[in-house]
């Protein structure tokens, strides 16, 4: 567990030093860096690894949020730990963060694994009611609907203890910070920057993902100059939890 100060606020990081090519991770909305534990355990011990909690998530301080600002936080953390030329791996909102990082700081991102994400995710009709609900009644009333988007039916039926644990991770997220990240996703359209993400990329979809369905991820892969598409059967929004081996293999393929 490490904490660094970025732009006047504390960011919680997990860093593993090494001598190989670094791998850096960015999380989805309502989660913290622990969602990458299964993937990290499958990567070679010589690969430096960096994970951070977004503003207002996990143990990081809250603050104003945009996708570009979250990418800048990650860049600052990478600079702090002396990392560059990394494989940038993100899921959902984290995938948008990694696209932004690849454009802002191509020296930091040599390749990308973009899981269950897109150039634009949803619209005002999708996000505004959730933002209003988070601010008025909190996250707990929406937990079951969110978990249905996060995980496949098979996971929800067979892995009850994990499902409850990840529900706890969600509901313990600060509601205002959750709403701010929702706003950031709602207000971000990376279509104009797609041609600038020239790094080799793997775009991974989950067949059962209700939040960023395969068609959205396939369109992302088609828009990026050097990307290939992969789809995981019987997987929801979080392949880092449901199919960590596939995510690790994608990282190692780049």
Foldseek 3Di string as FASTA:
>chain_A
DDWDADPRWIKDKDKQAADDAEEEEEEDQLAAQVLQVLLVVPADNRHIYMGIGFDQADPIHHDFDALLVSLVVVVVVCVVVVHFQHAYEYFASSLSSVLSNCQVPVRRHQEYEYELYALAFDACVVQVVVLVCCVPPNCVVCLVVVLQQQWFPVCVVPPVVVSVVSSVSRRPGRSNRSSSSSVNRNPGGRLVCQAVNAHAYEQEYECSRPRRHPVRSVVSQVSHPHYDYYYDYRTHRRCSNVPSVVVSVRSVVD
